[in-house]
PDB file of N, CA and C in Angstrom:
ATOM      1  N   UNK A   1       3.866 -15.060  -1.343  1.00  0.00           N
ATOM      2  CA  UNK A   1       3.316 -14.457  -0.148  1.00  0.00           C
ATOM      3  C   UNK A   1       3.756 -15.264   1.064  1.00  0.00           C
ATOM      4  N   UNK A   2       4.261 -14.601   2.062  1.00  0.00           N
ATOM      5  CA  UNK A   2       4.655 -15.235   3.307  1.00  0.00           C
ATOM      6  C   UNK A   2       3.413 -15.460   4.138  1.00  0.00           C
ATOM      7  N   UNK A   3       3.369 -16.545   4.901  1.00  0.00           N
ATOM      8  CA  UNK A   3       2.183 -16.889   5.673  1.00  0.00           C
ATOM      9  C   UNK A   3       2.002 -16.040   6.912  1.00  0.00           C
ATOM     10  N   UNK A   4       1.987 -14.736   6.759  1.00  0.00           N
ATOM     11  CA  UNK A   4       1.780 -13.810   7.873  1.00  0.00           C
ATOM     12  C   UNK A   4       0.440 -13.138   7.679  1.00  0.00           C
ATOM     13  N   UNK A   5      -0.341 -13.073   8.721  1.00  0.00           N
ATOM     14  CA  UNK A   5      -1.631 -12.394   8.631  1.00  0.00           C
ATOM     15  C   UNK A   5      -1.542 -11.056   9.330  1.00  0.00           C
ATOM     16  N   UNK A   6      -2.054 -10.036   8.670  1.00  0.00           N
ATOM     17  CA  UNK A   6      -2.103  -8.706   9.252  1.00  0.00           C
ATOM     18  C   UNK A   6      -3.544  -8.323   9.551  1.00  0.00           C
ATOM     19  N   UNK A   7      -4.443  -9.300   9.612  1.00  0.00           N
ATOM     20  CA  UNK A   7      -5.865  -9.025   9.823  1.00  0.00           C
ATOM     21  C   UNK A   7      -6.130  -8.334  11.151  1.00  0.00           C
ATOM     22  N   UNK A   8      -5.255  -8.518  12.125  1.00  0.00           N
ATOM     23  CA  UNK A   8      -5.471  -7.907  13.427  1.00  0.00           C
ATOM     24  C   UNK A   8      -5.093  -6.428  13.439  1.00  0.00           C
ATOM     25  N   UNK A   9      -4.440  -5.952  12.414  1.00  0.00           N
ATOM     26  CA  UNK A   9      -3.962  -4.583  12.369  1.00  0.00           C
ATOM     27  C   UNK A   9      -4.961  -3.719  11.609  1.00  0.00           C
ATOM     28  N   UNK A  10      -5.395  -2.640  12.243  1.00  0.00           N
ATOM     29  CA  UNK A  10      -6.270  -1.696  11.550  1.00  0.00           C
ATOM     30  C   UNK A  10      -6.003  -0.311  12.112  1.00  0.00           C
ATOM     31  N   UNK A  11      -5.735   0.628  11.218  1.00  0.00           N
ATOM     32  CA  UNK A  11      -5.380   1.973  11.642  1.00  0.00           C
ATOM     33  C   UNK A  11      -6.405   2.968  11.136  1.00  0.00           C
ATOM     34  N   UNK A  12      -6.729   3.937  11.969  1.00  0.00           N
ATOM     35  CA  UNK A  12      -7.592   5.013  11.521  1.00  0.00           C
ATOM     36  C   UNK A  12      -6.815   5.953  10.611  1.00  0.00           C
ATOM     37  N   UNK A  13      -7.496   6.565   9.650  1.00  0.00           N
ATOM     38  CA  UNK A  13      -6.807   7.433   8.698  1.00  0.00           C
ATOM     39  C   UNK A  13      -6.282   8.701   9.361  1.00  0.00           C
ATOM     40  N   UNK A  14      -6.796   9.068  10.517  1.00  0.00           N
ATOM     41  CA  UNK A  14      -6.310  10.264  11.206  1.00  0.00           C
ATOM     42  C   UNK A  14      -4.848  10.124  11.630  1.00  0.00           C
ATOM     43  N   UNK A  15      -4.329   8.909  11.658  1.00  0.00           N
ATOM     44  CA  UNK A  15      -2.940   8.675  12.051  1.00  0.00           C
ATOM     45  C   UNK A  15      -1.937   9.014  10.952  1.00  0.00           C
ATOM     46  N   UNK A  16      -2.431   9.387   9.769  1.00  0.00           N
ATOM     47  CA  UNK A  16      -1.556   9.651   8.625  1.00  0.00           C
ATOM     48  C   UNK A  16      -1.555  11.137   8.302  1.00  0.00           C
ATOM     49  N   UNK A  17      -0.391  11.676   7.975  1.00  0.00           N
ATOM     50  CA  UNK A  17      -0.212  13.102   7.735  1.00  0.00           C
ATOM     51  C   UNK A  17      -0.537  13.442   6.280  1.00  0.00           C
ATOM     52  N   UNK A  18      -1.747  13.920   6.047  1.00  0.00           N
ATOM     53  CA  UNK A  18      -2.180  14.225   4.690  1.00  0.00           C
ATOM     54  C   UNK A  18      -1.575  15.514   4.152  1.00  0.00           C
ATOM     55  N   UNK A  19      -0.791  16.196   4.949  1.00  0.00           N
ATOM     56  CA  UNK A  19      -0.067  17.372   4.470  1.00  0.00           C
ATOM     57  C   UNK A  19       1.289  17.005   3.875  1.00  0.00           C
ATOM     58  N   UNK A  20       1.715  15.759   4.041  1.00  0.00           N
ATOM     59  CA  UNK A  20       2.997  15.287   3.509  1.00  0.00           C
ATOM     60  C   UNK A  20       2.721  14.177   2.496  1.00  0.00           C
ATOM     61  N   UNK A  21       2.715  14.541   1.240  1.00  0.00           N
ATOM     62  CA  UNK A  21       2.432  13.573   0.183  1.00  0.00           C
ATOM     63  C   UNK A  21       3.738  12.923  -0.271  1.00  0.00           C
ATOM     64  N   UNK A  22       3.761  11.602  -0.237  1.00  0.00           N
ATOM     65  CA  UNK A  22       4.884  10.833  -0.764  1.00  0.00           C
ATOM     66  C   UNK A  22       4.469  10.339  -2.150  1.00  0.00           C
ATOM     67  N   UNK A  23       5.283  10.576  -3.151  1.00  0.00           N
ATOM     68  CA  UNK A  23       4.963  10.196  -4.524  1.00  0.00           C
ATOM     69  C   UNK A  23       6.243   9.629  -5.125  1.00  0.00           C
ATOM     70  N   UNK A  24       6.284   8.320  -5.334  1.00  0.00           N
ATOM     71  CA  UNK A  24       7.531   7.671  -5.747  1.00  0.00           C
ATOM     72  C   UNK A  24       7.254   6.366  -6.489  1.00  0.00           C
ATOM     73  N   UNK A  25       8.256   5.901  -7.220  1.00  0.00           N
ATOM     74  CA  UNK A  25       8.203   4.609  -7.902  1.00  0.00           C
ATOM     75  C   UNK A  25       8.999   3.607  -7.088  1.00  0.00           C
ATOM     76  N   UNK A  26       8.502   2.371  -7.037  1.00  0.00           N
ATOM     77  CA  UNK A  26       9.157   1.336  -6.252  1.00  0.00           C
ATOM     78  C   UNK A  26       8.741  -0.032  -6.774  1.00  0.00           C
ATOM     79  N   UNK A  27       9.320  -1.059  -6.194  1.00  0.00           N
ATOM     80  CA  UNK A  27       8.977  -2.440  -6.513  1.00  0.00           C
ATOM     81  C   UNK A  27       8.508  -3.126  -5.238  1.00  0.00           C
ATOM     82  N   UNK A  28       7.453  -3.904  -5.346  1.00  0.00           N
ATOM     83  CA  UNK A  28       6.910  -4.596  -4.174  1.00  0.00           C
ATOM     84  C   UNK A  28       7.851  -5.709  -3.737  1.00  0.00           C
ATOM     85  N   UNK A  29       8.163  -5.721  -2.456  1.00  0.00           N
ATOM     86  CA  UNK A  29       9.011  -6.753  -1.847  1.00  0.00           C
ATOM     87  C   UNK A  29       8.172  -7.893  -1.269  1.00  0.00           C
ATOM     88  N   UNK A  30       6.961  -7.566  -0.830  1.00  0.00           N
ATOM     89  CA  UNK A  30       6.058  -8.535  -0.189  1.00  0.00           C
ATOM     90  C   UNK A  30       4.663  -7.924  -0.204  1.00  0.00           C
ATOM     91  N   UNK A  31       3.628  -8.765  -0.298  1.00  0.00           N
ATOM     92  CA  UNK A  31       2.266  -8.236  -0.245  1.00  0.00           C
ATOM     93  C   UNK A  31       1.329  -9.216   0.440  1.00  0.00           C
ATOM     94  N   UNK A  32       0.267  -8.657   0.994  1.00  0.00           N
ATOM     95  CA  UNK A  32      -0.815  -9.430   1.609  1.00  0.00           C
ATOM     96  C   UNK A  32      -2.112  -8.861   1.050  1.00  0.00           C
ATOM     97  N   UNK A  33      -2.939  -9.727   0.506  1.00  0.00           N
ATOM     98  CA  UNK A  33      -4.185  -9.300  -0.128  1.00  0.00           C
ATOM     99  C   UNK A  33      -5.341  -9.891   0.662  1.00  0.00           C
ATOM    100  N   UNK A  34      -5.712  -9.219   1.743  1.00  0.00           N
ATOM    101  CA  UNK A  34      -6.805  -9.690   2.600  1.00  0.00           C
ATOM    102  C   UNK A  34      -7.392  -8.501   3.331  1.00  0.00           C
ATOM    103  N   UNK A  35      -8.533  -8.706   3.959  1.00  0.00           N
ATOM    104  CA  UNK A  35      -9.166  -7.671   4.757  1.00  0.00           C
ATOM    105  C   UNK A  35      -8.618  -7.716   6.173  1.00  0.00           C
ATOM    106  N   UNK A  36      -8.605  -6.637   6.954  1.00  0.00           N
ATOM    107  CA  UNK A  36      -9.331  -5.411   6.676  1.00  0.00           C
ATOM    108  C   UNK A  36      -8.646  -4.524   5.625  1.00  0.00           C
ATOM    109  N   UNK A  37      -7.336  -4.664   5.396  1.00  0.00           N
ATOM    110  CA  UNK A  37      -6.646  -3.900   4.356  1.00  0.00           C
ATOM    111  C   UNK A  37      -5.562  -4.756   3.739  1.00  0.00           C
ATOM    112  N   UNK A  38      -5.461  -4.683   2.426  1.00  0.00           N
ATOM    113  CA  UNK A  38      -4.305  -5.271   1.757  1.00  0.00           C
ATOM    114  C   UNK A  38      -3.110  -4.398   2.115  1.00  0.00           C
ATOM    115  N   UNK A  39      -1.923  -4.948   1.995  1.00  0.00           N
ATOM    116  CA  UNK A  39      -0.732  -4.155   2.259  1.00  0.00           C
ATOM    117  C   UNK A  39       0.409  -4.623   1.394  1.00  0.00           C
ATOM    118  N   UNK A  40       1.401  -3.769   1.285  1.00  0.00           N
ATOM    119  CA  UNK A  40       2.610  -4.087   0.541  1.00  0.00           C
ATOM    120  C   UNK A  40       3.809  -3.610   1.345  1.00  0.00           C
ATOM    121  N   UNK A  41       4.903  -4.291   1.181  1.00  0.00           N
ATOM    122  CA  UNK A  41       6.183  -3.860   1.745  1.00  0.00           C
ATOM    123  C   UNK A  41       7.018  -3.385   0.565  1.00  0.00           C
ATOM    124  N   UNK A  42       7.503  -2.143   0.652  1.00  0.00           N
ATOM    125  CA  UNK A  42       8.283  -1.556  -0.434  1.00  0.00           C
ATOM    126  C   UNK A  42       9.479  -0.788   0.140  1.00  0.00           C
ATOM    127  N   UNK A  43      10.466  -0.577  -0.699  1.00  0.00           N
ATOM    128  CA  UNK A  43      11.604   0.243  -0.293  1.00  0.00           C
ATOM    129  C   UNK A  43      11.323   1.689  -0.666  1.00  0.00           C
ATOM    130  N   UNK A  44      11.577   2.569   0.303  1.00  0.00           N
ATOM    131  CA  UNK A  44      11.425   3.999   0.107  1.00  0.00           C
ATOM    132  C   UNK A  44      12.520   4.689   0.914  1.00  0.00           C
ATOM    133  N   UNK A  45      13.291   5.530   0.278  1.00  0.00           N
ATOM    134  CA  UNK A  45      14.396   6.245   0.937  1.00  0.00           C
ATOM    135  C   UNK A  45      15.328   5.319   1.706  1.00  0.00           C
ATOM    136  N   UNK A  46      15.623   4.171   1.119  1.00  0.00           N
ATOM    137  CA  UNK A  46      16.586   3.244   1.711  1.00  0.00           C
ATOM    138  C   UNK A  46      16.072   2.364   2.827  1.00  0.00           C
ATOM    139  N   UNK A  47      14.785   2.442   3.147  1.00  0.00           N
ATOM    140  CA  UNK A  47      14.209   1.621   4.223  1.00  0.00           C
ATOM    141  C   UNK A  47      13.031   0.815   3.676  1.00  0.00           C
ATOM    142  N   UNK A  48      12.702  -0.266   4.363  1.00  0.00           N
ATOM    143  CA  UNK A  48      11.542  -1.071   4.005  1.00  0.00           C
ATOM    144  C   UNK A  48      10.324  -0.517   4.732  1.00  0.00           C
ATOM    145  N   UNK A  49       9.321  -0.103   3.967  1.00  0.00           N
ATOM    146  CA  UNK A  49       8.115   0.513   4.505  1.00  0.00           C
ATOM    147  C   UNK A  49       6.920  -0.418   4.342  1.00  0.00           C
ATOM    148  N   UNK A  50       5.972  -0.314   5.257  1.00  0.00           N
ATOM    149  CA  UNK A  50       4.674  -0.977   5.130  1.00  0.00           C
ATOM    150  C   UNK A  50       3.709   0.040   4.534  1.00  0.00           C
ATOM    151  N   UNK A  51       3.062  -0.356   3.436  1.00  0.00           N
ATOM    152  CA  UNK A  51       2.097   0.508   2.764  1.00  0.00           C
ATOM    153  C   UNK A  51       0.717  -0.111   2.928  1.00  0.00           C
ATOM    154  N   UNK A  52      -0.164   0.570   3.651  1.00  0.00           N
ATOM    155  CA  UNK A  52      -1.536   0.095   3.793  1.00  0.00           C
ATOM    156  C   UNK A  52      -2.320   0.514   2.564  1.00  0.00           C
ATOM    157  N   UNK A  53      -2.994  -0.451   1.975  1.00  0.00           N
ATOM    158  CA  UNK A  53      -3.791  -0.254   0.777  1.00  0.00           C
ATOM    159  C   UNK A  53      -5.262  -0.276   1.173  1.00  0.00           C
ATOM    160  N   UNK A  54      -6.148  -0.381   0.220  1.00  0.00           N
ATOM    161  CA  UNK A  54      -7.586  -0.469   0.496  1.00  0.00           C
ATOM    162  C   UNK A  54      -7.946  -1.897   0.890  1.00  0.00           C
ATOM    163  N   UNK A  55      -9.159  -2.112   1.406  1.00  0.00           N
ATOM    164  CA  UNK A  55      -9.631  -3.476   1.637  1.00  0.00           C
ATOM    165  C   UNK A  55      -9.587  -4.270   0.321  1.00  0.00           C
ATOM    166  N   UNK A  56      -9.327  -5.542   0.425  1.00  0.00           N
ATOM    167  CA  UNK A  56      -9.226  -6.396  -0.766  1.00  0.00           C
ATOM    168  C   UNK A  56     -10.483  -6.312  -1.627  1.00  0.00           C
ATOM    169  N   UNK A  57     -11.659  -6.260  -0.994  1.00  0.00           N
ATOM    170  CA  UNK A  57     -12.906  -6.183  -1.763  1.00  0.00           C
ATOM    171  C   UNK A  57     -12.966  -4.902  -2.594  1.00  0.00           C
ATOM    172  N   UNK A  58     -12.533  -3.774  -2.047  1.00  0.00           N
ATOM    173  CA  UNK A  58     -12.535  -2.512  -2.790  1.00  0.00           C
ATOM    174  C   UNK A  58     -11.505  -2.564  -3.916  1.00  0.00           C
ATOM    175  N   UNK A  59     -10.356  -3.134  -3.635  1.00  0.00           N
ATOM    176  CA  UNK A  59      -9.326  -3.223  -4.664  1.00  0.00           C
ATOM    177  C   UNK A  59      -9.812  -4.077  -5.832  1.00  0.00           C
ATOM    178  N   UNK A  60     -10.478  -5.169  -5.543  1.00  0.00           N
ATOM    179  CA  UNK A  60     -11.021  -6.029  -6.594  1.00  0.00           C
ATOM    180  C   UNK A  60     -12.046  -5.258  -7.425  1.00  0.00           C
ATOM    181  N   UNK A  61     -12.941  -4.539  -6.752  1.00  0.00           N
ATOM    182  CA  UNK A  61     -13.956  -3.746  -7.446  1.00  0.00           C
ATOM    183  C   UNK A  61     -13.325  -2.714  -8.371  1.00  0.00           C
ATOM    184  N   UNK A  62     -12.189  -2.185  -7.989  1.00  0.00           N
ATOM    185  CA  UNK A  62     -11.529  -1.143  -8.786  1.00  0.00           C
ATOM    186  C   UNK A  62     -10.518  -1.716  -9.782  1.00  0.00           C
ATOM    187  N   UNK A  63     -10.485  -3.045  -9.885  1.00  0.00           N
ATOM    188  CA  UNK A  63      -9.656  -3.670 -10.906  1.00  0.00           C
ATOM    189  C   UNK A  63      -8.269  -4.091 -10.472  1.00  0.00           C
ATOM    190  N   UNK A  64      -7.985  -4.046  -9.170  1.00  0.00           N
ATOM    191  CA  UNK A  64      -6.677  -4.453  -8.656  1.00  0.00           C
ATOM    192  C   UNK A  64      -6.762  -5.852  -8.061  1.00  0.00           C
ATOM    193  N   UNK A  65      -6.147  -6.806  -8.702  1.00  0.00           N
ATOM    194  CA  UNK A  65      -6.152  -8.180  -8.213  1.00  0.00           C
ATOM    195  C   UNK A  65      -4.909  -8.444  -7.366  1.00  0.00           C
ATOM    196  N   UNK A  66      -4.931  -9.542  -6.645  1.00  0.00           N
ATOM    197  CA  UNK A  66      -3.769  -9.949  -5.854  1.00  0.00           C
ATOM    198  C   UNK A  66      -2.560 -10.146  -6.756  1.00  0.00           C
ATOM    199  N   UNK A  67      -2.774 -10.654  -7.942  1.00  0.00           N
ATOM    200  CA  UNK A  67      -1.687 -10.888  -8.899  1.00  0.00           C
ATOM    201  C   UNK A  67      -0.998  -9.581  -9.296  1.00  0.00           C
ATOM    202  N   UNK A  68      -1.742  -8.494  -9.321  1.00  0.00           N
ATOM    203  CA  UNK A  68      -1.189  -7.202  -9.745  1.00  0.00           C
ATOM    204  C   UNK A  68      -0.304  -6.560  -8.682  1.00  0.00           C
ATOM    205  N   UNK A  69      -0.459  -6.964  -7.420  1.00  0.00           N
ATOM    206  CA  UNK A  69       0.366  -6.374  -6.365  1.00  0.00           C
ATOM    207  C   UNK A  69       1.276  -7.413  -5.719  1.00  0.00           C
ATOM    208  N   UNK A  70       1.693  -8.385  -6.497  1.00  0.00           N
ATOM    209  CA  UNK A  70       2.580  -9.418  -5.963  1.00  0.00           C
ATOM    210  C   UNK A  70       4.030  -8.933  -5.946  1.00  0.00           C
ATOM    211  N   UNK A  71       4.876  -9.686  -5.274  1.00  0.00           N
ATOM    212  CA  UNK A  71       6.302  -9.387  -5.200  1.00  0.00           C
ATOM    213  C   UNK A  71       6.861  -9.219  -6.612  1.00  0.00           C
ATOM    214  N   UNK A  72       7.651  -8.159  -6.791  1.00  0.00           N
ATOM    215  CA  UNK A  72       8.275  -7.902  -8.076  1.00  0.00           C
ATOM    216  C   UNK A  72       7.538  -6.888  -8.938  1.00  0.00           C
ATOM    217  N   UNK A  73       6.288  -6.546  -8.577  1.00  0.00           N
ATOM    218  CA  UNK A  73       5.535  -5.555  -9.340  1.00  0.00           C
ATOM    219  C   UNK A  73       6.139  -4.171  -9.119  1.00  0.00           C
ATOM    220  N   UNK A  74       6.377  -3.461 -10.210  1.00  0.00           N
ATOM    221  CA  UNK A  74       6.856  -2.085 -10.135  1.00  0.00           C
ATOM    222  C   UNK A  74       5.653  -1.168 -10.262  1.00  0.00           C
ATOM    223  N   UNK A  75       5.602  -0.159  -9.410  1.00  0.00           N
ATOM    224  CA  UNK A  75       4.474   0.768  -9.420  1.00  0.00           C
ATOM    225  C   UNK A  75       4.886   2.130  -8.901  1.00  0.00           C
ATOM    226  N   UNK A  76       4.036   3.091  -9.169  1.00  0.00           N
ATOM    227  CA  UNK A  76       4.155   4.414  -8.561  1.00  0.00           C
ATOM    228  C   UNK A  76       3.105   4.480  -7.472  1.00  0.00           C
ATOM    229  N   UNK A  77       3.502   4.996  -6.320  1.00  0.00           N
ATOM    230  CA  UNK A  77       2.610   5.106  -5.166  1.00  0.00           C
ATOM    231  C   UNK A  77       2.491   6.576  -4.773  1.00  0.00           C
ATOM    232  N   UNK A  78       1.268   7.011  -4.498  1.00  0.00           N
ATOM    233  CA  UNK A  78       1.023   8.316  -3.880  1.00  0.00           C
ATOM    234  C   UNK A  78       0.425   7.985  -2.514  1.00  0.00           C
ATOM    235  N   UNK A  79       1.099   8.418  -1.455  1.00  0.00           N
ATOM    236  CA  UNK A  79       0.721   7.987  -0.109  1.00  0.00           C
ATOM    237  C   UNK A  79       0.997   9.075   0.918  1.00  0.00           C
ATOM    238  N   UNK A  80       0.500   8.824   2.131  1.00  0.00           N
ATOM    239  CA  UNK A  80       0.722   9.719   3.264  1.00  0.00           C
ATOM    240  C   UNK A  80       1.462   8.942   4.348  1.00  0.00           C
ATOM    241  N   UNK A  81       2.508   9.543   4.935  1.00  0.00           N
ATOM    242  CA  UNK A  81       3.244   8.848   5.995  1.00  0.00           C
ATOM    243  C   UNK A  81       2.467   8.831   7.304  1.00  0.00           C
ATOM    244  N   UNK A  82       2.701   7.797   8.092  1.00  0.00           N
ATOM    245  CA  UNK A  82       2.123   7.722   9.435  1.00  0.00           C
ATOM    246  C   UNK A  82       2.750   8.830  10.285  1.00  0.00           C
ATOM    247  N   UNK A  83       1.987   9.391  11.183  1.00  0.00           N
ATOM    248  CA  UNK A  83       2.477  10.499  11.999  1.00  0.00           C
ATOM    249  C   UNK A  83       3.538  10.081  13.010  1.00  0.00           C
ATOM    250  N   UNK A  84       3.472   8.826  13.483  1.00  0.00           N
ATOM    251  CA  UNK A  84       4.440   8.405  14.506  1.00  0.00           C
ATOM    252  C   UNK A  84       5.245   7.161  14.128  1.00  0.00           C
ATOM    253  N   UNK A  85       4.756   6.325  13.247  1.00  0.00           N
ATOM    254  CA  UNK A  85       5.487   5.124  12.829  1.00  0.00           C
ATOM    255  C   UNK A  85       6.317   5.510  11.605  1.00  0.00           C
ATOM    256  N   UNK A  86       7.634   5.516  11.750  1.00  0.00           N
ATOM    257  CA  UNK A  86       8.509   6.079  10.726  1.00  0.00           C
ATOM    258  C   UNK A  86       8.520   5.326   9.401  1.00  0.00           C
ATOM    259  N   UNK A  87       8.161   4.066   9.374  1.00  0.00           N
ATOM    260  CA  UNK A  87       8.223   3.305   8.125  1.00  0.00           C
ATOM    261  C   UNK A  87       6.852   2.736   7.749  1.00  0.00           C
ATOM    262  N   UNK A  88       5.831   3.554   7.921  1.00  0.00           N
ATOM    263  CA  UNK A  88       4.476   3.145   7.555  1.00  0.00           C
ATOM    264  C   UNK A  88       3.800   4.285   6.802  1.00  0.00           C
ATOM    265  N   UNK A  89       3.031   3.917   5.780  1.00  0.00           N
ATOM    266  CA  UNK A  89       2.273   4.903   5.006  1.00  0.00           C
ATOM    267  C   UNK A  89       0.959   4.303   4.554  1.00  0.00           C
ATOM    268  N   UNK A  90       0.029   5.182   4.177  1.00  0.00           N
ATOM    269  CA  UNK A  90      -1.268   4.775   3.621  1.00  0.00           C
ATOM    270  C   UNK A  90      -1.326   5.257   2.193  1.00  0.00           C
ATOM    271  N   UNK A  91      -1.564   4.339   1.269  1.00  0.00           N
ATOM    272  CA  UNK A  91      -1.625   4.691  -0.153  1.00  0.00           C
ATOM    273  C   UNK A  91      -2.967   5.314  -0.498  1.00  0.00           C
ATOM    274  N   UNK A  92      -2.913   6.395  -1.231  1.00  0.00           N
ATOM    275  CA  UNK A  92      -4.105   7.067  -1.737  1.00  0.00           C
ATOM    276  C   UNK A  92      -4.423   6.574  -3.147  1.00  0.00           C
ATOM    277  N   UNK A  93      -3.364   6.370  -3.948  1.00  0.00           N
ATOM    278  CA  UNK A  93      -3.544   5.852  -5.309  1.00  0.00           C
ATOM    279  C   UNK A  93      -2.288   5.109  -5.749  1.00  0.00           C
ATOM    280  N   UNK A  94      -2.480   4.214  -6.696  1.00  0.00           N
ATOM    281  CA  UNK A  94      -1.387   3.447  -7.288  1.00  0.00           C
ATOM    282  C   UNK A  94      -1.427   3.631  -8.794  1.00  0.00           C
ATOM    283  N   UNK A  95      -0.267   3.585  -9.407  1.00  0.00           N
ATOM    284  CA  UNK A  95      -0.149   3.574 -10.858  1.00  0.00           C
ATOM    285  C   UNK A  95       0.624   2.316 -11.222  1.00  0.00           C
ATOM    286  N   UNK A  96      -0.012   1.433 -11.954  1.00  0.00           N
ATOM    287  CA  UNK A  96       0.632   0.204 -12.410  1.00  0.00           C
ATOM    288  C   UNK A  96       0.538   0.224 -13.930  1.00  0.00           C
ATOM    289  N   UNK A  97       1.705   0.168 -14.570  1.00  0.00           N
ATOM    290  CA  UNK A  97       1.723   0.356 -16.014  1.00  0.00           C
ATOM    291  C   UNK A  97       1.237   1.759 -16.315  1.00  0.00           C
ATOM    292  N   UNK A  98       0.299   1.894 -17.217  1.00  0.00           N
ATOM    293  CA  UNK A  98      -0.229   3.223 -17.548  1.00  0.00           C
ATOM    294  C   UNK A  98      -1.616   3.462 -16.945  1.00  0.00           C
ATOM    295  N   UNK A  99      -1.978   2.653 -15.944  1.00  0.00           N
ATOM    296  CA  UNK A  99      -3.312   2.761 -15.347  1.00  0.00           C
ATOM    297  C   UNK A  99      -3.228   3.290 -13.907  1.00  0.00           C
ATOM    298  N   UNK A 100      -4.178   4.157 -13.563  1.00  0.00           N
ATOM    299  CA  UNK A 100      -4.284   4.763 -12.226  1.00  0.00           C
ATOM    300  C   UNK A 100      -5.390   4.054 -11.452  1.00  0.00           C
ATOM    301  N   UNK A 101      -5.121   3.749 -10.171  1.00  0.00           N
ATOM    302  CA  UNK A 101      -6.096   3.090  -9.287  1.00  0.00           C
ATOM    303  C   UNK A 101      -6.283   3.944  -8.044  1.00  0.00           C
ATOM    304  N   UNK A 102      -7.488   4.447  -7.834  1.00  0.00           N
ATOM    305  CA  UNK A 102      -7.826   5.204  -6.628  1.00  0.00           C
ATOM    306  C   UNK A 102      -8.206   4.213  -5.527  1.00  0.00           C
ATOM    307  N   UNK A 103      -7.645   4.389  -4.339  1.00  0.00           N
ATOM    308  CA  UNK A 103      -7.889   3.429  -3.267  1.00  0.00           C
ATOM    309  C   UNK A 103      -8.880   3.915  -2.218  1.00  0.00           C
ATOM    310  N   UNK A 104      -9.147   5.181  -2.173  1.00  0.00           N
ATOM    311  CA  UNK A 104     -10.054   5.682  -1.148  1.00  0.00           C
ATOM    312  C   UNK A 104     -11.488   5.464  -1.537  1.00  0.00           C
TER     313      UNK A 104
END
């Protein structure tokens, strides 16, 4: 994990286009596991995207640890793209191995 804090960043869900579902497999390039939201950097369509996840406390409650979303983890992501930021999305659910994790 790089020593960058994203704690100052918080986006309302209305900024994401829930009519455009992104569903793809990728590998995590970088992750931050802290509040207000954990996040991951992943490659999607040839670009590096920021994926906003759930708050760390919710992820822990649902069985997702920081170790599970570290660099190198391969996963399937179902997410919604940001309406104006071209390389940002909000994850609705993750699939790691054969397990599904709901983030909302």
